[in-house]
Amino acid sequence: MSGYGLEILGGEACDALLRSQRIGRIGVCSGRPGVFPVVYGLFDSDVVFRTAPGEKLIAAALHHEIVFEIDSYDLDSRTGWSVNVFGTAEEIAHPVELARAEALYLPPWAGEIRDRYVRIKAIEVSGRRIAATSRASRHASSLGLPARDLRP
């Protein structure tokens, strides 16, 4: 547990959480930063998502470093977790890997055709969990707020 009330999650816990979700967010910074929701799956330890031509595909073509994030939280109990995957983006073009990506069944997030697949070659995976504390509740009380109104 860190001094800030965060539990640092190990690799197995991060992997289990990554396998438990289907929607995440991609952060790219090619000129202007952007965060985009995606439907994703996993190739071994790498995140894979579908996309159309645009910023995410450009980042993959240029092998930019990007970040992927998933999370869950409960405002009432002041608990939650997040997992970040930092890595290099690359378009999947090899026929065998493309077949594997298509087998993940990643329906498009938006109604447009998303026929390109991008893989994030993981460099670092990190996660943290926030546990409710009586200290947070006391702090909320001192501000005259119920604990659930303070965002983690």
Protein backbone atom coordinates (compact mmCIF):
# COMPACT_ATOMS: atom_id res chain seq x y z
CA MET A 1 0.00 0.00 0.00
CA SER A 2 1.40 3.40 -0.93
CA GLY A 3 1.32 6.38 1.40
CA TYR A 4 -1.54 7.76 -0.67
CA GLY A 5 -3.94 4.90 0.04
CA LEU A 6 -3.27 3.14 -3.27
CA GLU A 7 -2.57 -0.56 -3.50
CA ILE A 8 -0.07 -1.23 -6.28
CA LEU A 9 -1.27 -4.22 -8.30
CA GLY A 10 1.06 -6.95 -9.51
CA GLY A 11 1.26 -8.38 -13.01
CA GLU A 12 -1.20 -11.24 -12.43
CA ALA A 13 -3.83 -8.90 -10.98
CA CYS A 14 -3.40 -6.46 -13.88
CA ASP A 15 -3.69 -9.31 -16.39
CA ALA A 16 -6.88 -10.61 -14.74
CA LEU A 17 -8.42 -7.13 -14.80
CA LEU A 18 -7.45 -6.63 -18.45
CA ARG A 19 -9.17 -9.92 -19.29
CA SER A 20 -12.30 -8.89 -17.36
CA GLN A 21 -13.23 -5.88 -19.52
CA ARG A 22 -14.05 -5.19 -23.19
CA ILE A 23 -14.00 -1.36 -23.37
CA GLY A 24 -10.96 0.80 -22.66
CA ARG A 25 -9.40 4.09 -23.71
CA ILE A 26 -6.40 4.80 -25.91
CA GLY A 27 -4.31 7.90 -25.27
CA VAL A 28 -2.30 9.22 -28.21
CA CYS A 29 -0.22 12.33 -28.62
CA SER A 30 0.63 13.04 -32.22
CA GLY A 31 0.52 16.79 -32.24
CA ARG A 32 -2.57 17.30 -30.10
CA PRO A 33 -3.26 14.77 -27.28
CA GLY A 34 -6.41 12.68 -27.56
CA VAL A 35 -8.19 9.91 -25.66
CA PHE A 36 -10.47 7.52 -27.55
CA PRO A 37 -12.74 4.69 -26.38
CA VAL A 38 -12.11 1.29 -28.02
CA VAL A 39 -13.38 -2.26 -27.86
CA TYR A 40 -10.32 -4.41 -27.20
CA GLY A 41 -8.99 -7.91 -26.75
CA LEU A 42 -5.67 -9.42 -25.80
CA PHE A 43 -2.96 -11.16 -27.85
CA ASP A 44 -0.86 -12.78 -25.20
CA SER A 45 -0.05 -9.66 -23.10
CA ASP A 46 -0.64 -7.10 -25.83
CA VAL A 47 -3.80 -5.02 -26.28
CA VAL A 48 -5.48 -5.24 -29.72
CA PHE A 49 -8.26 -3.00 -31.06
CA ARG A 50 -9.98 -2.19 -34.35
CA THR A 51 -9.87 1.22 -35.92
CA ALA A 52 -10.41 3.20 -39.10
CA PRO A 53 -7.99 5.67 -40.70
CA GLY A 54 -7.30 8.49 -38.25
CA GLU A 55 -5.10 9.38 -35.28
CA LYS A 56 -4.89 5.87 -33.80
CA LEU A 57 -3.90 4.31 -37.12
CA ILE A 58 -1.37 7.09 -37.79
CA ALA A 59 0.17 6.43 -34.35
CA ALA A 60 0.44 2.74 -35.30
CA ALA A 61 1.96 3.47 -38.72
CA LEU A 62 4.59 5.66 -37.05
CA HIS A 63 5.14 3.17 -34.18
CA HIS A 64 4.36 5.85 -31.60
CA GLU A 65 4.25 5.09 -27.92
CA ILE A 66 0.68 5.21 -26.65
CA VAL A 67 -1.17 4.34 -23.48
CA PHE A 68 -4.23 2.18 -22.93
CA GLU A 69 -6.35 2.40 -19.77
CA ILE A 70 -9.25 0.55 -18.15
CA ASP A 71 -10.83 1.25 -14.79
CA SER A 72 -13.79 0.69 -12.53
CA TYR A 73 -14.99 2.63 -9.52
CA ASP A 74 -17.79 2.91 -6.98
CA LEU A 75 -18.35 6.47 -5.77
CA ASP A 76 -20.52 5.40 -2.84
CA SER A 77 -17.89 3.09 -1.36
CA ARG A 78 -14.95 5.23 -2.57
CA THR A 79 -13.27 2.20 -4.11
CA GLY A 80 -11.91 1.51 -7.55
CA TRP A 81 -9.02 0.36 -9.65
CA SER A 82 -7.21 1.19 -12.87
CA VAL A 83 -4.76 -0.57 -15.17
CA ASN A 84 -2.50 1.17 -17.70
CA VAL A 85 -0.64 -0.47 -20.57
CA PHE A 86 2.13 1.64 -22.03
CA GLY A 87 3.66 0.48 -25.28
CA THR A 88 4.39 0.89 -28.95
CA ALA A 89 1.51 0.86 -31.43
CA GLU A 90 1.74 -1.13 -34.63
CA GLU A 91 -0.77 -2.11 -37.28
CA ILE A 92 -1.35 -5.84 -37.60
CA ALA A 93 -0.69 -6.79 -41.22
CA HIS A 94 0.72 -10.34 -41.17
CA PRO A 95 -2.05 -12.73 -42.36
CA VAL A 96 -1.67 -15.17 -39.43
CA GLU A 97 -1.79 -12.39 -36.82
CA LEU A 98 -4.62 -10.68 -38.70
CA ALA A 99 -6.64 -13.92 -38.52
CA ARG A 100 -5.95 -14.09 -34.76
CA ALA A 101 -7.11 -10.48 -34.36
CA GLU A 102 -10.29 -11.12 -36.33
CA ALA A 103 -11.00 -14.18 -34.15
CA LEU A 104 -11.09 -11.95 -31.04
CA TYR A 105 -14.51 -10.67 -32.15
CA LEU A 106 -14.08 -6.94 -31.57
CA PRO A 107 -17.30 -5.28 -32.73
CA PRO A 108 -16.79 -1.66 -33.84
CA TRP A 109 -17.39 0.91 -31.08
CA ALA A 110 -18.86 3.33 -33.61
CA GLY A 111 -21.12 2.54 -36.56
CA GLU A 112 -18.43 3.13 -39.16
CA ILE A 113 -16.40 0.36 -40.72
CA ARG A 114 -13.34 -0.35 -38.60
CA ASP A 115 -11.32 -2.78 -40.68
CA ARG A 116 -7.78 -2.14 -39.40
CA TYR A 117 -6.29 -3.79 -36.31
CA VAL A 118 -3.72 -2.19 -34.03
CA ARG A 119 -1.62 -3.93 -31.41
CA ILE A 120 0.02 -2.21 -28.46
CA LYS A 121 3.30 -4.02 -27.86
CA ALA A 122 3.37 -3.73 -24.08
CA ILE A 123 6.46 -2.12 -22.56
CA GLU A 124 4.99 -1.57 -19.09
CA VAL A 125 1.75 -2.63 -17.39
CA SER A 126 0.80 -1.01 -14.10
CA GLY A 127 -2.24 -1.02 -11.90
CA ARG A 128 -3.55 0.42 -8.68
CA ARG A 129 -6.55 -0.11 -6.45
CA ILE A 130 -8.17 2.50 -4.21
CA ALA A 131 -9.65 1.22 -0.98
CA ALA A 132 -12.10 3.22 1.11
CA THR A 133 -10.50 4.65 4.23
CA SER A 134 -11.85 6.25 7.34
CA ARG A 135 -9.35 9.08 6.70
CA ALA A 136 -11.10 9.92 3.41
CA SER A 137 -14.45 9.90 5.19
CA ARG A 138 -13.09 12.24 7.91
CA HIS A 139 -11.72 14.58 5.23
CA ALA A 140 -15.09 14.64 3.48
CA SER A 141 -16.79 15.39 6.80
CA SER A 142 -14.41 18.26 7.49
CA LEU A 143 -15.46 19.79 4.16
CA GLY A 144 -19.14 19.31 5.00
CA LEU A 145 -19.56 16.71 2.22
CA PRO A 146 -20.74 13.13 2.29
CA ALA A 147 -17.82 10.80 1.43
CA ARG A 148 -19.49 9.66 -1.80
CA ASP A 149 -19.27 13.19 -3.24
CA LEU A 150 -15.46 13.16 -3.28
CA ARG A 151 -14.05 11.64 -6.43
CA PRO A 152 -11.18 9.15 -6.00
